[in-house]
């Protein structure tokens, strides 16, 4: 058996009825996990419901595995507290435990300033950020009790910004803060929380290629299956990190991180606007940047000049 098997583990994958989530669910099941396939079945914009996608993925898993207890469909709405808790309860009722949570459910409604409205932002926050929070919070007591848990939350390279994705970018950035805080709470209990930023051609990205699609020379090839190995590694018991962000897609895997420059230290009385302007190059110089592990680590680095004798 592979060193990266999931026998005896139970995973919940939200947004698993199509695309990237489907690829996650299928790979985990192939490697031995029992999987709750959660999907509300709505449109890419988050409208409507359909039990079909989640049930179809379960049928795929069962057909390829031959174990009629390997997967279970779930159509709860993770954007609500009740729905998030119910997804985790499905895992407990069907399989007796929960070891892995991959919060992948999402929506996209394009729009930027000045036309984007509050409802768009609220809906993105509800699905992406609250959906992650609701399921994580519900799974947490089970993780603590068994002193083990693996969590993979979903952000996006969209946080880097484009003119028409304001609500999406804001919600996905919030997921990073959620993960960085949760990793500290989880550390004493064997719980690791990481974040993935997938790169794949899905409905939300403008169209999903069929399973039998092949790469075409000179054109980007971004199948959902190419993202799944990173998510599965982060969900595995041997995962060595927590609180980190990784990108995956098209055969490339990389770390994405938040860093701070060394900057400029003003020592002669109160600083002025002129001091900031005159030292702008030093403030922005990326040589010797620091990658903080948490808030206290950043604070210690940022304020280290005040702790040294002058």
C-alpha atoms as a PDB file:
ATOM      1  CA  UNK A   1       0.000   0.000   0.000  1.00  0.00           C
ATOM      2  CA  UNK A   2       1.181   3.533  -0.714  1.00  0.00           C
ATOM      3  CA  UNK A   3       2.776   5.478   2.118  1.00  0.00           C
ATOM      4  CA  UNK A   4       0.186   8.123   1.355  1.00  0.00           C
ATOM      5  CA  UNK A   5      -2.921   6.096   1.981  1.00  0.00           C
ATOM      6  CA  UNK A   6      -5.987   7.193   3.948  1.00  0.00           C
ATOM      7  CA  UNK A   7      -7.288   3.868   5.224  1.00  0.00           C
ATOM      8  CA  UNK A   8      -9.329   4.375   8.381  1.00  0.00           C
ATOM      9  CA  UNK A   9      -9.687   8.116   7.759  1.00  0.00           C
ATOM     10  CA  UNK A  10     -12.952   9.944   7.151  1.00  0.00           C
ATOM     11  CA  UNK A  11     -12.981  13.100   5.044  1.00  0.00           C
ATOM     12  CA  UNK A  12     -15.562  15.787   4.394  1.00  0.00           C
ATOM     13  CA  UNK A  13     -15.114  17.662   1.118  1.00  0.00           C
ATOM     14  CA  UNK A  14     -17.436  20.599   0.516  1.00  0.00           C
ATOM     15  CA  UNK A  15     -18.250  21.747  -2.989  1.00  0.00           C
ATOM     16  CA  UNK A  16     -17.336  18.251  -4.162  1.00  0.00           C
ATOM     17  CA  UNK A  17     -20.049  17.748  -6.765  1.00  0.00           C
ATOM     18  CA  UNK A  18     -17.993  19.168  -9.593  1.00  0.00           C
ATOM     19  CA  UNK A  19     -14.547  20.343 -10.597  1.00  0.00           C
ATOM     20  CA  UNK A  20     -11.778  20.594  -8.025  1.00  0.00           C
ATOM     21  CA  UNK A  21     -13.833  19.295  -5.104  1.00  0.00           C
ATOM     22  CA  UNK A  22     -14.842  16.260  -7.125  1.00  0.00           C
ATOM     23  CA  UNK A  23     -11.181  15.585  -7.896  1.00  0.00           C
ATOM     24  CA  UNK A  24     -10.331  15.810  -4.190  1.00  0.00           C
ATOM     25  CA  UNK A  25     -13.109  13.426  -3.176  1.00  0.00           C
ATOM     26  CA  UNK A  26     -12.214  10.865  -5.810  1.00  0.00           C
ATOM     27  CA  UNK A  27      -8.498  10.881  -4.982  1.00  0.00           C
ATOM     28  CA  UNK A  28      -9.061  10.540  -1.236  1.00  0.00           C
ATOM     29  CA  UNK A  29     -11.474   7.660  -1.836  1.00  0.00           C
ATOM     30  CA  UNK A  30      -9.029   5.988  -4.222  1.00  0.00           C
ATOM     31  CA  UNK A  31      -6.409   6.169  -1.465  1.00  0.00           C
ATOM     32  CA  UNK A  32      -8.701   4.530   1.073  1.00  0.00           C
ATOM     33  CA  UNK A  33     -10.626   7.323   2.803  1.00  0.00           C
ATOM     34  CA  UNK A  34     -14.336   7.295   3.444  1.00  0.00           C
ATOM     35  CA  UNK A  35     -15.683  10.520   2.009  1.00  0.00           C
ATOM     36  CA  UNK A  36     -18.671  12.765   2.565  1.00  0.00           C
ATOM     37  CA  UNK A  37     -19.308  14.451  -0.782  1.00  0.00           C
ATOM     38  CA  UNK A  38     -20.998  17.739   0.067  1.00  0.00           C
ATOM     39  CA  UNK A  39     -22.501  19.965  -2.610  1.00  0.00           C
ATOM     40  CA  UNK A  40     -25.572  22.183  -2.574  1.00  0.00           C
ATOM     41  CA  UNK A  41     -25.734  21.806  -6.334  1.00  0.00           C
ATOM     42  CA  UNK A  42     -26.268  25.456  -7.163  1.00  0.00           C
ATOM     43  CA  UNK A  43     -24.973  27.516 -10.044  1.00  0.00           C
ATOM     44  CA  UNK A  44     -21.498  29.054 -10.095  1.00  0.00           C
ATOM     45  CA  UNK A  45     -23.143  32.242  -8.837  1.00  0.00           C
ATOM     46  CA  UNK A  46     -24.639  30.376  -5.878  1.00  0.00           C
ATOM     47  CA  UNK A  47     -28.220  30.180  -7.085  1.00  0.00           C
ATOM     48  CA  UNK A  48     -30.508  27.166  -6.856  1.00  0.00           C
ATOM     49  CA  UNK A  49     -30.023  23.656  -5.510  1.00  0.00           C
ATOM     50  CA  UNK A  50     -29.592  20.226  -7.065  1.00  0.00           C
ATOM     51  CA  UNK A  51     -28.857  16.947  -5.300  1.00  0.00           C
ATOM     52  CA  UNK A  52     -27.605  15.424  -8.542  1.00  0.00           C
ATOM     53  CA  UNK A  53     -23.928  16.507  -8.549  1.00  0.00           C
ATOM     54  CA  UNK A  54     -23.106  15.130  -5.075  1.00  0.00           C
ATOM     55  CA  UNK A  55     -24.950  11.888  -5.787  1.00  0.00           C
ATOM     56  CA  UNK A  56     -23.204  11.508  -9.135  1.00  0.00           C
ATOM     57  CA  UNK A  57     -19.747  11.764  -7.538  1.00  0.00           C
ATOM     58  CA  UNK A  58     -20.715   9.197  -4.899  1.00  0.00           C
ATOM     59  CA  UNK A  59     -21.828   6.838  -7.681  1.00  0.00           C
ATOM     60  CA  UNK A  60     -18.489   7.344  -9.442  1.00  0.00           C
ATOM     61  CA  UNK A  61     -16.580   6.515  -6.279  1.00  0.00           C
ATOM     62  CA  UNK A  62     -18.663   3.444  -5.510  1.00  0.00           C
ATOM     63  CA  UNK A  63     -18.473   2.188  -9.088  1.00  0.00           C
ATOM     64  CA  UNK A  64     -14.683   2.409  -9.153  1.00  0.00           C
ATOM     65  CA  UNK A  65     -14.157   1.080  -5.634  1.00  0.00           C
ATOM     66  CA  UNK A  66     -16.763  -1.619  -5.199  1.00  0.00           C
ATOM     67  CA  UNK A  67     -17.277  -0.657  -1.542  1.00  0.00           C
ATOM     68  CA  UNK A  68     -20.834   0.546  -1.037  1.00  0.00           C
ATOM     69  CA  UNK A  69     -19.838   2.256   2.204  1.00  0.00           C
ATOM     70  CA  UNK A  70     -16.950   4.291   0.812  1.00  0.00           C
ATOM     71  CA  UNK A  71     -18.828   7.555   0.149  1.00  0.00           C
ATOM     72  CA  UNK A  72     -21.951   9.452   1.162  1.00  0.00           C
ATOM     73  CA  UNK A  73     -23.688  12.381  -0.505  1.00  0.00           C
ATOM     74  CA  UNK A  74     -24.628  15.501   1.440  1.00  0.00           C
ATOM     75  CA  UNK A  75     -26.466  18.593   0.192  1.00  0.00           C
ATOM     76  CA  UNK A  76     -26.374  20.858   3.246  1.00  0.00           C
ATOM     77  CA  UNK A  77     -25.681  24.570   2.779  1.00  0.00           C
ATOM     78  CA  UNK A  78     -22.363  25.278   4.515  1.00  0.00           C
ATOM     79  CA  UNK A  79     -22.965  29.036   4.436  1.00  0.00           C
ATOM     80  CA  UNK A  80     -25.307  28.571   7.405  1.00  0.00           C
ATOM     81  CA  UNK A  81     -24.300  27.442  10.890  1.00  0.00           C
ATOM     82  CA  UNK A  82     -26.908  24.675  10.825  1.00  0.00           C
ATOM     83  CA  UNK A  83     -25.792  23.480   7.412  1.00  0.00           C
ATOM     84  CA  UNK A  84     -22.120  23.467   8.331  1.00  0.00           C
ATOM     85  CA  UNK A  85     -22.803  21.459  11.466  1.00  0.00           C
ATOM     86  CA  UNK A  86     -25.029  19.049   9.557  1.00  0.00           C
ATOM     87  CA  UNK A  87     -22.282  18.230   7.054  1.00  0.00           C
ATOM     88  CA  UNK A  88     -19.978  17.151   9.872  1.00  0.00           C
ATOM     89  CA  UNK A  89     -22.815  15.236  11.512  1.00  0.00           C
ATOM     90  CA  UNK A  90     -23.273  13.302   8.277  1.00  0.00           C
ATOM     91  CA  UNK A  91     -19.691  12.075   8.615  1.00  0.00           C
ATOM     92  CA  UNK A  92     -20.232  11.071  12.252  1.00  0.00           C
ATOM     93  CA  UNK A  93     -23.510   9.291  11.540  1.00  0.00           C
ATOM     94  CA  UNK A  94     -22.318   7.440   8.442  1.00  0.00           C
ATOM     95  CA  UNK A  95     -18.715   6.693   9.318  1.00  0.00           C
ATOM     96  CA  UNK A  96     -18.336   7.263  13.054  1.00  0.00           C
ATOM     97  CA  UNK A  97     -15.665   9.968  12.964  1.00  0.00           C
ATOM     98  CA  UNK A  98     -14.185  12.933  11.098  1.00  0.00           C
ATOM     99  CA  UNK A  99     -10.447  13.232  10.382  1.00  0.00           C
ATOM    100  CA  UNK A 100     -10.199  15.531   7.397  1.00  0.00           C
ATOM    101  CA  UNK A 101     -12.061  18.664   6.342  1.00  0.00           C
ATOM    102  CA  UNK A 102     -11.468  20.173   2.917  1.00  0.00           C
ATOM    103  CA  UNK A 103     -13.548  23.345   2.665  1.00  0.00           C
ATOM    104  CA  UNK A 104     -13.797  23.880  -1.070  1.00  0.00           C
ATOM    105  CA  UNK A 105     -17.344  25.209  -1.629  1.00  0.00           C
ATOM    106  CA  UNK A 106     -17.442  28.546  -3.374  1.00  0.00           C
ATOM    107  CA  UNK A 107     -19.254  30.903  -5.701  1.00  0.00           C
ATOM    108  CA  UNK A 108     -18.277  33.695  -8.050  1.00  0.00           C
ATOM    109  CA  UNK A 109     -20.203  36.802  -9.028  1.00  0.00           C
ATOM    110  CA  UNK A 110     -18.019  39.097 -11.058  1.00  0.00           C
ATOM    111  CA  UNK A 111     -18.084  42.765 -10.219  1.00  0.00           C
ATOM    112  CA  UNK A 112     -15.867  45.565  -9.016  1.00  0.00           C
ATOM    113  CA  UNK A 113     -16.108  49.137  -7.863  1.00  0.00           C
ATOM    114  CA  UNK A 114     -18.193  51.166  -8.242  1.00  0.00           C
ATOM    115  CA  UNK A 115     -20.957  48.816  -9.426  1.00  0.00           C
ATOM    116  CA  UNK A 116     -20.463  45.886  -7.022  1.00  0.00           C
ATOM    117  CA  UNK A 117     -23.122  45.869  -4.302  1.00  0.00           C
ATOM    118  CA  UNK A 118     -23.230  44.842  -0.655  1.00  0.00           C
ATOM    119  CA  UNK A 119     -25.303  41.742  -1.369  1.00  0.00           C
ATOM    120  CA  UNK A 120     -22.521  40.402  -3.584  1.00  0.00           C
ATOM    121  CA  UNK A 121     -19.927  40.851  -0.860  1.00  0.00           C
ATOM    122  CA  UNK A 122     -22.168  39.361   1.813  1.00  0.00           C
ATOM    123  CA  UNK A 123     -22.928  36.302  -0.299  1.00  0.00           C
ATOM    124  CA  UNK A 124     -19.257  35.654  -1.041  1.00  0.00           C
ATOM    125  CA  UNK A 125     -18.361  36.019   2.616  1.00  0.00           C
ATOM    126  CA  UNK A 126     -21.193  33.642   3.546  1.00  0.00           C
ATOM    127  CA  UNK A 127     -20.109  30.849   1.216  1.00  0.00           C
ATOM    128  CA  UNK A 128     -16.317  31.140   1.228  1.00  0.00           C
ATOM    129  CA  UNK A 129     -15.473  32.497   4.669  1.00  0.00           C
ATOM    130  CA  UNK A 130     -18.462  31.496   6.796  1.00  0.00           C
ATOM    131  CA  UNK A 131     -18.702  28.180   4.961  1.00  0.00           C
ATOM    132  CA  UNK A 132     -15.130  27.451   6.028  1.00  0.00           C
ATOM    133  CA  UNK A 133     -15.794  28.684   9.565  1.00  0.00           C
ATOM    134  CA  UNK A 134     -19.073  26.801  10.026  1.00  0.00           C
ATOM    135  CA  UNK A 135     -17.657  23.437   9.014  1.00  0.00           C
ATOM    136  CA  UNK A 136     -14.357  23.976  10.842  1.00  0.00           C
ATOM    137  CA  UNK A 137     -16.110  24.984  14.047  1.00  0.00           C
ATOM    138  CA  UNK A 138     -18.387  21.938  13.880  1.00  0.00           C
ATOM    139  CA  UNK A 139     -15.490  19.550  13.248  1.00  0.00           C
ATOM    140  CA  UNK A 140     -13.226  21.084  15.880  1.00  0.00           C
ATOM    141  CA  UNK A 141     -14.561  19.302  19.006  1.00  0.00           C
ATOM    142  CA  UNK A 142     -14.139  15.951  17.244  1.00  0.00           C
ATOM    143  CA  UNK A 143     -10.579  16.816  16.265  1.00  0.00           C
ATOM    144  CA  UNK A 144      -9.739  17.876  19.816  1.00  0.00           C
ATOM    145  CA  UNK A 145     -11.286  14.756  21.328  1.00  0.00           C
ATOM    146  CA  UNK A 146      -9.241  12.446  19.117  1.00  0.00           C
ATOM    147  CA  UNK A 147      -6.160  14.730  19.215  1.00  0.00           C
ATOM    148  CA  UNK A 148      -5.948  14.669  15.451  1.00  0.00           C
ATOM    149  CA  UNK A 149      -7.301  16.613  12.503  1.00  0.00           C
ATOM    150  CA  UNK A 150      -6.324  17.829   9.060  1.00  0.00           C
ATOM    151  CA  UNK A 151      -7.959  20.899   7.555  1.00  0.00           C
ATOM    152  CA  UNK A 152      -7.491  22.317   4.068  1.00  0.00           C
ATOM    153  CA  UNK A 153      -9.190  25.647   3.448  1.00  0.00           C
ATOM    154  CA  UNK A 154      -9.420  27.240   0.015  1.00  0.00           C
ATOM    155  CA  UNK A 155      -8.122  30.630  -0.984  1.00  0.00           C
ATOM    156  CA  UNK A 156      -7.298  31.820  -4.500  1.00  0.00           C
ATOM    157  CA  UNK A 157      -4.696  33.677  -6.482  1.00  0.00           C
ATOM    158  CA  UNK A 158      -7.653  36.019  -6.943  1.00  0.00           C
ATOM    159  CA  UNK A 159      -6.636  37.663  -3.658  1.00  0.00           C
ATOM    160  CA  UNK A 160      -3.872  39.326  -5.639  1.00  0.00           C
ATOM    161  CA  UNK A 161      -6.592  41.370  -7.289  1.00  0.00           C
ATOM    162  CA  UNK A 162      -8.263  42.061 -10.580  1.00  0.00           C
ATOM    163  CA  UNK A 163     -10.726  44.789 -11.408  1.00  0.00           C
ATOM    164  CA  UNK A 164     -13.870  42.658 -11.405  1.00  0.00           C
ATOM    165  CA  UNK A 165     -13.436  40.245  -8.473  1.00  0.00           C
ATOM    166  CA  UNK A 166     -13.708  42.473  -5.413  1.00  0.00           C
ATOM    167  CA  UNK A 167     -16.147  40.339  -3.399  1.00  0.00           C
ATOM    168  CA  UNK A 168     -14.425  37.087  -4.275  1.00  0.00           C
ATOM    169  CA  UNK A 169     -10.971  38.427  -3.446  1.00  0.00           C
ATOM    170  CA  UNK A 170     -12.112  39.846  -0.107  1.00  0.00           C
ATOM    171  CA  UNK A 171     -13.713  36.565   0.975  1.00  0.00           C
ATOM    172  CA  UNK A 172     -10.756  34.446  -0.121  1.00  0.00           C
ATOM    173  CA  UNK A 173      -8.329  36.719   1.727  1.00  0.00           C
ATOM    174  CA  UNK A 174     -10.396  36.273   4.880  1.00  0.00           C
ATOM    175  CA  UNK A 175      -9.879  32.512   4.674  1.00  0.00           C
ATOM    176  CA  UNK A 176      -6.131  33.034   5.119  1.00  0.00           C
ATOM    177  CA  UNK A 177      -6.625  34.915   8.378  1.00  0.00           C
ATOM    178  CA  UNK A 178      -8.991  32.189   9.578  1.00  0.00           C
ATOM    179  CA  UNK A 179      -6.402  29.508   8.877  1.00  0.00           C
ATOM    180  CA  UNK A 180      -3.495  31.380  10.465  1.00  0.00           C
ATOM    181  CA  UNK A 181      -5.418  31.793  13.706  1.00  0.00           C
ATOM    182  CA  UNK A 182      -6.838  28.255  13.709  1.00  0.00           C
ATOM    183  CA  UNK A 183      -3.384  26.717  13.295  1.00  0.00           C
ATOM    184  CA  UNK A 184      -2.350  28.152  16.669  1.00  0.00           C
ATOM    185  CA  UNK A 185      -5.439  26.767  18.398  1.00  0.00           C
ATOM    186  CA  UNK A 186      -4.913  23.400  16.753  1.00  0.00           C
ATOM    187  CA  UNK A 187      -1.214  22.945  17.464  1.00  0.00           C
ATOM    188  CA  UNK A 188      -1.623  21.474  20.986  1.00  0.00           C
ATOM    189  CA  UNK A 189      -4.168  18.943  19.686  1.00  0.00           C
ATOM    190  CA  UNK A 190      -2.488  17.469  16.618  1.00  0.00           C
ATOM    191  CA  UNK A 191      -4.654  19.590  14.300  1.00  0.00           C
ATOM    192  CA  UNK A 192      -3.037  21.099  11.220  1.00  0.00           C
ATOM    193  CA  UNK A 193      -4.752  23.785   9.168  1.00  0.00           C
ATOM    194  CA  UNK A 194      -3.413  24.765   5.762  1.00  0.00           C
ATOM    195  CA  UNK A 195      -4.664  26.657   2.718  1.00  0.00           C
ATOM    196  CA  UNK A 196      -4.669  25.806  -0.965  1.00  0.00           C
ATOM    197  CA  UNK A 197      -4.953  28.193  -3.902  1.00  0.00           C
ATOM    198  CA  UNK A 198      -5.989  26.018  -6.855  1.00  0.00           C
ATOM    199  CA  UNK A 199      -5.390  26.788 -10.506  1.00  0.00           C
ATOM    200  CA  UNK A 200      -7.871  24.887 -12.656  1.00  0.00           C
ATOM    201  CA  UNK A 201     -10.304  25.391 -15.496  1.00  0.00           C
ATOM    202  CA  UNK A 202     -13.610  25.048 -13.634  1.00  0.00           C
ATOM    203  CA  UNK A 203     -17.103  26.513 -13.979  1.00  0.00           C
ATOM    204  CA  UNK A 204     -16.044  29.414 -11.788  1.00  0.00           C
ATOM    205  CA  UNK A 205     -13.008  30.031 -13.969  1.00  0.00           C
ATOM    206  CA  UNK A 206     -14.967  30.010 -17.195  1.00  0.00           C
ATOM    207  CA  UNK A 207     -15.483  26.387 -18.179  1.00  0.00           C
ATOM    208  CA  UNK A 208     -14.498  22.892 -17.125  1.00  0.00           C
ATOM    209  CA  UNK A 209     -12.701  20.516 -19.498  1.00  0.00           C
ATOM    210  CA  UNK A 210     -14.066  16.973 -19.834  1.00  0.00           C
ATOM    211  CA  UNK A 211     -12.326  14.117 -18.017  1.00  0.00           C
ATOM    212  CA  UNK A 212     -10.721  12.888 -21.227  1.00  0.00           C
ATOM    213  CA  UNK A 213      -9.371  16.285 -22.243  1.00  0.00           C
ATOM    214  CA  UNK A 214      -5.756  16.368 -23.363  1.00  0.00           C
ATOM    215  CA  UNK A 215      -3.178  19.105 -23.372  1.00  0.00           C
ATOM    216  CA  UNK A 216      -2.929  21.151 -26.552  1.00  0.00           C
ATOM    217  CA  UNK A 217       0.466  22.577 -27.450  1.00  0.00           C
ATOM    218  CA  UNK A 218       0.649  26.306 -26.815  1.00  0.00           C
ATOM    219  CA  UNK A 219      -2.511  26.395 -24.704  1.00  0.00           C
ATOM    220  CA  UNK A 220      -2.859  26.328 -20.910  1.00  0.00           C
ATOM    221  CA  UNK A 221      -4.022  22.946 -19.621  1.00  0.00           C
ATOM    222  CA  UNK A 222      -5.611  23.214 -16.196  1.00  0.00           C
ATOM    223  CA  UNK A 223      -7.486  20.023 -15.244  1.00  0.00           C
ATOM    224  CA  UNK A 224      -8.948  19.784 -11.741  1.00  0.00           C
ATOM    225  CA  UNK A 225      -7.182  16.478 -11.131  1.00  0.00           C
ATOM    226  CA  UNK A 226      -3.836  18.274 -11.301  1.00  0.00           C
ATOM    227  CA  UNK A 227      -4.689  20.192  -8.113  1.00  0.00           C
ATOM    228  CA  UNK A 228      -5.713  17.186  -6.037  1.00  0.00           C
ATOM    229  CA  UNK A 229      -2.269  15.791  -5.088  1.00  0.00           C
ATOM    230  CA  UNK A 230      -1.427  18.941  -3.115  1.00  0.00           C
ATOM    231  CA  UNK A 231      -4.743  18.954  -1.272  1.00  0.00           C
ATOM    232  CA  UNK A 232      -4.341  15.268  -0.455  1.00  0.00           C
ATOM    233  CA  UNK A 233      -0.807  15.771   0.863  1.00  0.00           C
ATOM    234  CA  UNK A 234      -1.966  18.621   3.104  1.00  0.00           C
ATOM    235  CA  UNK A 235      -4.762  16.329   4.337  1.00  0.00           C
ATOM    236  CA  UNK A 236      -2.425  13.431   5.080  1.00  0.00           C
ATOM    237  CA  UNK A 237      -1.199  12.484   8.541  1.00  0.00           C
ATOM    238  CA  UNK A 238       2.415  13.082   7.464  1.00  0.00           C
ATOM    239  CA  UNK A 239       1.817  16.708   6.433  1.00  0.00           C
ATOM    240  CA  UNK A 240       4.735  18.612   8.034  1.00  0.00           C
ATOM    241  CA  UNK A 241       3.296  22.158   8.093  1.00  0.00           C
ATOM    242  CA  UNK A 242       0.403  24.184   9.451  1.00  0.00           C
ATOM    243  CA  UNK A 243      -0.820  27.673   8.655  1.00  0.00           C
ATOM    244  CA  UNK A 244       0.776  27.731   5.204  1.00  0.00           C
ATOM    245  CA  UNK A 245      -0.554  28.539   1.741  1.00  0.00           C
ATOM    246  CA  UNK A 246       0.196  26.428  -1.320  1.00  0.00           C
ATOM    247  CA  UNK A 247      -0.704  26.831  -4.967  1.00  0.00           C
ATOM    248  CA  UNK A 248      -1.291  23.907  -7.287  1.00  0.00           C
ATOM    249  CA  UNK A 249      -2.279  23.383 -10.897  1.00  0.00           C
ATOM    250  CA  UNK A 250      -1.088  22.465 -14.388  1.00  0.00           C
ATOM    251  CA  UNK A 251       1.732  20.364 -12.944  1.00  0.00           C
ATOM    252  CA  UNK A 252       3.210  23.142 -10.794  1.00  0.00           C
ATOM    253  CA  UNK A 253       3.193  23.213  -6.980  1.00  0.00           C
ATOM    254  CA  UNK A 254       4.460  26.190  -5.019  1.00  0.00           C
ATOM    255  CA  UNK A 255       4.314  27.991  -1.698  1.00  0.00           C
ATOM    256  CA  UNK A 256       2.608  31.374  -1.466  1.00  0.00           C
ATOM    257  CA  UNK A 257       3.490  33.443   1.581  1.00  0.00           C
ATOM    258  CA  UNK A 258       3.066  36.766   3.357  1.00  0.00           C
ATOM    259  CA  UNK A 259       6.345  38.557   4.028  1.00  0.00           C
ATOM    260  CA  UNK A 260       7.624  41.773   5.578  1.00  0.00           C
ATOM    261  CA  UNK A 261      10.603  43.798   4.404  1.00  0.00           C
ATOM    262  CA  UNK A 262      13.338  44.835   6.813  1.00  0.00           C
ATOM    263  CA  UNK A 263      12.228  48.396   6.188  1.00  0.00           C
ATOM    264  CA  UNK A 264      13.609  51.627   7.580  1.00  0.00           C
ATOM    265  CA  UNK A 265      14.059  52.426  11.276  1.00  0.00           C
ATOM    266  CA  UNK A 266      13.814  56.054  12.358  1.00  0.00           C
ATOM    267  CA  UNK A 267      15.741  56.769  15.549  1.00  0.00           C
ATOM    268  CA  UNK A 268      16.058  60.553  15.933  1.00  0.00           C
ATOM    269  CA  UNK A 269      12.842  61.787  17.521  1.00  0.00           C
ATOM    270  CA  UNK A 270       9.363  61.540  16.013  1.00  0.00           C
ATOM    271  CA  UNK A 271       9.291  60.580  12.352  1.00  0.00           C
ATOM    272  CA  UNK A 272       7.805  62.935   9.775  1.00  0.00           C
ATOM    273  CA  UNK A 273       6.151  62.454   6.423  1.00  0.00           C
ATOM    274  CA  UNK A 274       9.402  63.639   4.901  1.00  0.00           C
ATOM    275  CA  UNK A 275      11.291  60.853   6.680  1.00  0.00           C
ATOM    276  CA  UNK A 276       8.951  58.288   5.162  1.00  0.00           C
ATOM    277  CA  UNK A 277       9.322  59.799   1.702  1.00  0.00           C
ATOM    278  CA  UNK A 278      13.107  60.071   1.893  1.00  0.00           C
ATOM    279  CA  UNK A 279      13.467  56.431   2.921  1.00  0.00           C
ATOM    280  CA  UNK A 280      10.851  54.992   0.582  1.00  0.00           C
ATOM    281  CA  UNK A 281      13.363  52.797  -1.260  1.00  0.00           C
ATOM    282  CA  UNK A 282      14.564  51.212   1.992  1.00  0.00           C
ATOM    283  CA  UNK A 283      10.991  50.631   3.152  1.00  0.00           C
ATOM    284  CA  UNK A 284      10.256  48.729  -0.045  1.00  0.00           C
ATOM    285  CA  UNK A 285      13.580  46.919  -0.426  1.00  0.00           C
ATOM    286  CA  UNK A 286      12.804  43.186  -0.581  1.00  0.00           C
ATOM    287  CA  UNK A 287      16.328  42.079   0.281  1.00  0.00           C
ATOM    288  CA  UNK A 288      16.319  40.208   3.568  1.00  0.00           C
ATOM    289  CA  UNK A 289      12.547  39.991   3.905  1.00  0.00           C
ATOM    290  CA  UNK A 290      11.003  38.067   6.792  1.00  0.00           C
ATOM    291  CA  UNK A 291       8.219  35.476   6.583  1.00  0.00           C
ATOM    292  CA  UNK A 292       6.422  35.605   9.955  1.00  0.00           C
ATOM    293  CA  UNK A 293       4.876  32.445  11.348  1.00  0.00           C
ATOM    294  CA  UNK A 294       2.227  34.308  13.334  1.00  0.00           C
ATOM    295  CA  UNK A 295       1.355  37.721  14.773  1.00  0.00           C
ATOM    296  CA  UNK A 296       3.715  37.456  17.725  1.00  0.00           C
ATOM    297  CA  UNK A 297       6.584  36.411  15.475  1.00  0.00           C
ATOM    298  CA  UNK A 298       5.943  39.410  13.227  1.00  0.00           C
ATOM    299  CA  UNK A 299       5.719  41.751  16.231  1.00  0.00           C
ATOM    300  CA  UNK A 300       9.011  40.476  17.631  1.00  0.00           C
ATOM    301  CA  UNK A 301      10.736  41.066  14.300  1.00  0.00           C
ATOM    302  CA  UNK A 302       9.110  44.433  13.657  1.00  0.00           C
ATOM    303  CA  UNK A 303       9.950  45.803  17.106  1.00  0.00           C
ATOM    304  CA  UNK A 304      13.376  44.216  17.528  1.00  0.00           C
ATOM    305  CA  UNK A 305      15.106  47.594  17.106  1.00  0.00           C
ATOM    306  CA  UNK A 306      13.408  48.822  20.283  1.00  0.00           C
ATOM    307  CA  UNK A 307      14.847  45.948  22.300  1.00  0.00           C
ATOM    308  CA  UNK A 308      18.462  46.592  21.326  1.00  0.00           C
ATOM    309  CA  UNK A 309      20.736  48.979  23.214  1.00  0.00           C
ATOM    310  CA  UNK A 310      21.162  52.189  21.259  1.00  0.00           C
END
